[in-house]
Amino acid sequence: MGAPCSFPPVRPHTLGLIGLGAIGGSLARQAKLAGVGTVIGWSPEPAERVAAVQQGALDDAPPRAADVARRADMLALAAPPAANLAQLEALAPHLPAGALVTDIGSVK
């Protein structure tokens, strides 16, 4: 047997979130508490964007998801799986080279 595997921690400079409901909003708040430099997010619901900024969970909440994707070095898709797939397809052309993309979708 070899040495145990380990993975370096991933700490983005700019975390982008697509979806600011219970899961995405929670991740935004925890990222700020953990010291992530910039947390930006988008929701199709303008009131969710405003609330997240007012609560200090986001540094910015642009009006378009593509604006989040352009700035993120790590992008988390926090919507139901079908919506995440559609967002991934739409946002892929806007991601910077080397950006990490993950999903935290929920099935109820």
C-alpha atoms as a PDB file:
ATOM      1  CA  MET A   1       0.000   0.000   0.000  1.00  0.00           C
ATOM      2  CA  GLY A   2       1.131   3.482  -0.815  1.00  0.00           C
ATOM      3  CA  ALA A   3       0.825   6.690   1.090  1.00  0.00           C
ATOM      4  CA  PRO A   4      -2.696   7.884   1.819  1.00  0.00           C
ATOM      5  CA  CYS A   5      -4.181  10.153  -0.805  1.00  0.00           C
ATOM      6  CA  SER A   6      -4.682  13.787   0.004  1.00  0.00           C
ATOM      7  CA  PHE A   7      -6.108  16.621  -1.967  1.00  0.00           C
ATOM      8  CA  PRO A   8      -5.118  20.258  -1.660  1.00  0.00           C
ATOM      9  CA  PRO A   9      -7.855  22.520  -0.340  1.00  0.00           C
ATOM     10  CA  VAL A  10      -9.812  24.519  -2.874  1.00  0.00           C
ATOM     11  CA  ARG A  11     -10.287  28.144  -1.879  1.00  0.00           C
ATOM     12  CA  PRO A  12     -11.426  30.318  -4.733  1.00  0.00           C
ATOM     13  CA  HIS A  13     -10.614  33.993  -4.938  1.00  0.00           C
ATOM     14  CA  THR A  14     -14.039  34.608  -6.457  1.00  0.00           C
ATOM     15  CA  LEU A  15     -16.867  32.174  -5.796  1.00  0.00           C
ATOM     16  CA  GLY A  16     -19.848  32.467  -8.118  1.00  0.00           C
ATOM     17  CA  LEU A  17     -23.212  31.004  -7.231  1.00  0.00           C
ATOM     18  CA  ILE A  18     -26.092  30.412  -9.599  1.00  0.00           C
ATOM     19  CA  GLY A  19     -29.166  29.962  -7.415  1.00  0.00           C
ATOM     20  CA  LEU A  20     -29.586  31.696  -4.074  1.00  0.00           C
ATOM     21  CA  GLY A  21     -32.265  29.572  -2.425  1.00  0.00           C
ATOM     22  CA  ALA A  22     -31.715  27.568   0.747  1.00  0.00           C
ATOM     23  CA  ILE A  23     -28.638  25.705  -0.522  1.00  0.00           C
ATOM     24  CA  GLY A  24     -26.975  28.445  -2.582  1.00  0.00           C
ATOM     25  CA  GLY A  25     -27.718  31.097   0.028  1.00  0.00           C
ATOM     26  CA  SER A  26     -26.267  28.911   2.779  1.00  0.00           C
ATOM     27  CA  LEU A  27     -23.114  28.291   0.763  1.00  0.00           C
ATOM     28  CA  ALA A  28     -22.740  32.037   0.144  1.00  0.00           C
ATOM     29  CA  ARG A  29     -22.978  32.811   3.867  1.00  0.00           C
ATOM     30  CA  GLN A  30     -20.522  30.044   4.811  1.00  0.00           C
ATOM     31  CA  ALA A  31     -18.074  31.115   2.104  1.00  0.00           C
ATOM     32  CA  LYS A  32     -18.029  34.655   3.526  1.00  0.00           C
ATOM     33  CA  LEU A  33     -17.506  33.284   7.052  1.00  0.00           C
ATOM     34  CA  ALA A  34     -14.670  31.073   5.759  1.00  0.00           C
ATOM     35  CA  GLY A  35     -12.899  34.084   4.286  1.00  0.00           C
ATOM     36  CA  VAL A  36     -13.505  33.645   0.560  1.00  0.00           C
ATOM     37  CA  GLY A  37     -12.405  36.970  -0.907  1.00  0.00           C
ATOM     38  CA  THR A  38     -15.346  37.686  -3.189  1.00  0.00           C
ATOM     39  CA  VAL A  39     -18.703  35.930  -3.330  1.00  0.00           C
ATOM     40  CA  ILE A  40     -21.037  36.839  -6.182  1.00  0.00           C
ATOM     41  CA  GLY A  41     -24.364  35.301  -7.052  1.00  0.00           C
ATOM     42  CA  TRP A  42     -27.369  35.289  -9.301  1.00  0.00           C
ATOM     43  CA  SER A  43     -30.947  34.174  -8.949  1.00  0.00           C
ATOM     44  CA  PRO A  44     -33.808  34.546 -11.416  1.00  0.00           C
ATOM     45  CA  GLU A  45     -35.654  36.176  -8.507  1.00  0.00           C
ATOM     46  CA  PRO A  46     -34.448  39.786  -8.093  1.00  0.00           C
ATOM     47  CA  ALA A  47     -35.664  39.822  -4.464  1.00  0.00           C
ATOM     48  CA  GLU A  48     -33.345  36.901  -3.627  1.00  0.00           C
ATOM     49  CA  ARG A  49     -30.377  38.798  -5.066  1.00  0.00           C
ATOM     50  CA  VAL A  50     -31.207  41.926  -3.075  1.00  0.00           C
ATOM     51  CA  ALA A  51     -31.758  39.984   0.156  1.00  0.00           C
ATOM     52  CA  ALA A  52     -28.464  38.097  -0.181  1.00  0.00           C
ATOM     53  CA  VAL A  53     -26.514  41.343  -0.612  1.00  0.00           C
ATOM     54  CA  GLN A  54     -28.366  43.037   2.261  1.00  0.00           C
ATOM     55  CA  GLN A  55     -27.628  40.064   4.538  1.00  0.00           C
ATOM     56  CA  GLY A  56     -23.923  40.273   3.702  1.00  0.00           C
ATOM     57  CA  ALA A  57     -23.853  36.863   1.980  1.00  0.00           C
ATOM     58  CA  LEU A  58     -22.793  38.360  -1.371  1.00  0.00           C
ATOM     59  CA  ASP A  59     -20.395  41.063  -2.429  1.00  0.00           C
ATOM     60  CA  ASP A  60     -22.262  41.550  -5.700  1.00  0.00           C
ATOM     61  CA  ALA A  61     -25.404  40.226  -7.388  1.00  0.00           C
ATOM     62  CA  PRO A  62     -25.312  41.135 -11.082  1.00  0.00           C
ATOM     63  CA  PRO A  63     -28.559  41.069 -13.091  1.00  0.00           C
ATOM     64  CA  ARG A  64     -27.336  38.290 -15.447  1.00  0.00           C
ATOM     65  CA  ALA A  65     -25.964  34.836 -14.669  1.00  0.00           C
ATOM     66  CA  ALA A  66     -23.331  35.262 -17.397  1.00  0.00           C
ATOM     67  CA  ASP A  67     -21.890  38.211 -15.445  1.00  0.00           C
ATOM     68  CA  VAL A  68     -21.301  35.885 -12.483  1.00  0.00           C
ATOM     69  CA  ALA A  69     -19.726  33.184 -14.676  1.00  0.00           C
ATOM     70  CA  ARG A  70     -17.293  35.677 -16.277  1.00  0.00           C
ATOM     71  CA  ARG A  71     -15.881  36.687 -12.885  1.00  0.00           C
ATOM     72  CA  ALA A  72     -15.801  33.350 -11.027  1.00  0.00           C
ATOM     73  CA  ASP A  73     -12.781  31.120 -10.678  1.00  0.00           C
ATOM     74  CA  MET A  74     -15.142  28.628  -9.011  1.00  0.00           C
ATOM     75  CA  LEU A  75     -18.793  28.428 -10.023  1.00  0.00           C
ATOM     76  CA  ALA A  76     -21.396  26.466  -8.050  1.00  0.00           C
ATOM     77  CA  LEU A  77     -24.728  25.697  -9.690  1.00  0.00           C
ATOM     78  CA  ALA A  78     -27.333  25.565  -6.915  1.00  0.00           C
ATOM     79  CA  ALA A  79     -30.592  24.769  -8.660  1.00  0.00           C
ATOM     80  CA  PRO A  80     -32.542  21.593  -9.451  1.00  0.00           C
ATOM     81  CA  PRO A  81     -30.586  19.211 -11.724  1.00  0.00           C
ATOM     82  CA  ALA A  82     -32.413  20.047 -14.981  1.00  0.00           C
ATOM     83  CA  ALA A  83     -31.929  23.769 -14.369  1.00  0.00           C
ATOM     84  CA  ASN A  84     -28.251  23.199 -13.524  1.00  0.00           C
ATOM     85  CA  LEU A  85     -27.724  21.397 -16.834  1.00  0.00           C
ATOM     86  CA  ALA A  86     -29.363  24.238 -18.747  1.00  0.00           C
ATOM     87  CA  GLN A  87     -27.314  26.825 -16.852  1.00  0.00           C
ATOM     88  CA  LEU A  88     -24.093  24.916 -17.466  1.00  0.00           C
ATOM     89  CA  GLU A  89     -24.743  24.857 -21.192  1.00  0.00           C
ATOM     90  CA  ALA A  90     -25.605  28.564 -21.259  1.00  0.00           C
ATOM     91  CA  LEU A  91     -22.718  29.683 -19.032  1.00  0.00           C
ATOM     92  CA  ALA A  92     -19.859  27.511 -20.302  1.00  0.00           C
ATOM     93  CA  PRO A  93     -18.831  29.994 -23.030  1.00  0.00           C
ATOM     94  CA  HIS A  94     -18.537  32.761 -20.397  1.00  0.00           C
ATOM     95  CA  LEU A  95     -16.279  30.938 -17.920  1.00  0.00           C
ATOM     96  CA  PRO A  96     -12.641  32.002 -17.597  1.00  0.00           C
ATOM     97  CA  ALA A  97     -10.012  29.452 -18.559  1.00  0.00           C
ATOM     98  CA  GLY A  98      -9.326  27.080 -15.695  1.00  0.00           C
ATOM     99  CA  ALA A  99     -12.529  27.860 -13.792  1.00  0.00           C
ATOM    100  CA  LEU A 100     -13.819  25.039 -11.609  1.00  0.00           C
ATOM    101  CA  VAL A 101     -17.533  24.227 -11.937  1.00  0.00           C
ATOM    102  CA  THR A 102     -19.561  22.116  -9.534  1.00  0.00           C
ATOM    103  CA  ASP A 103     -23.185  21.642  -8.665  1.00  0.00           C
ATOM    104  CA  ILE A 104     -24.982  21.464  -5.375  1.00  0.00           C
ATOM    105  CA  GLY A 105     -28.419  20.737  -6.792  1.00  0.00           C
ATOM    106  CA  SER A 106     -31.151  19.178  -4.744  1.00  0.00           C
ATOM    107  CA  VAL A 107     -33.777  16.626  -5.622  1.00  0.00           C
ATOM    108  CA  LYS A 108     -36.851  16.652  -3.429  1.00  0.00           C
END
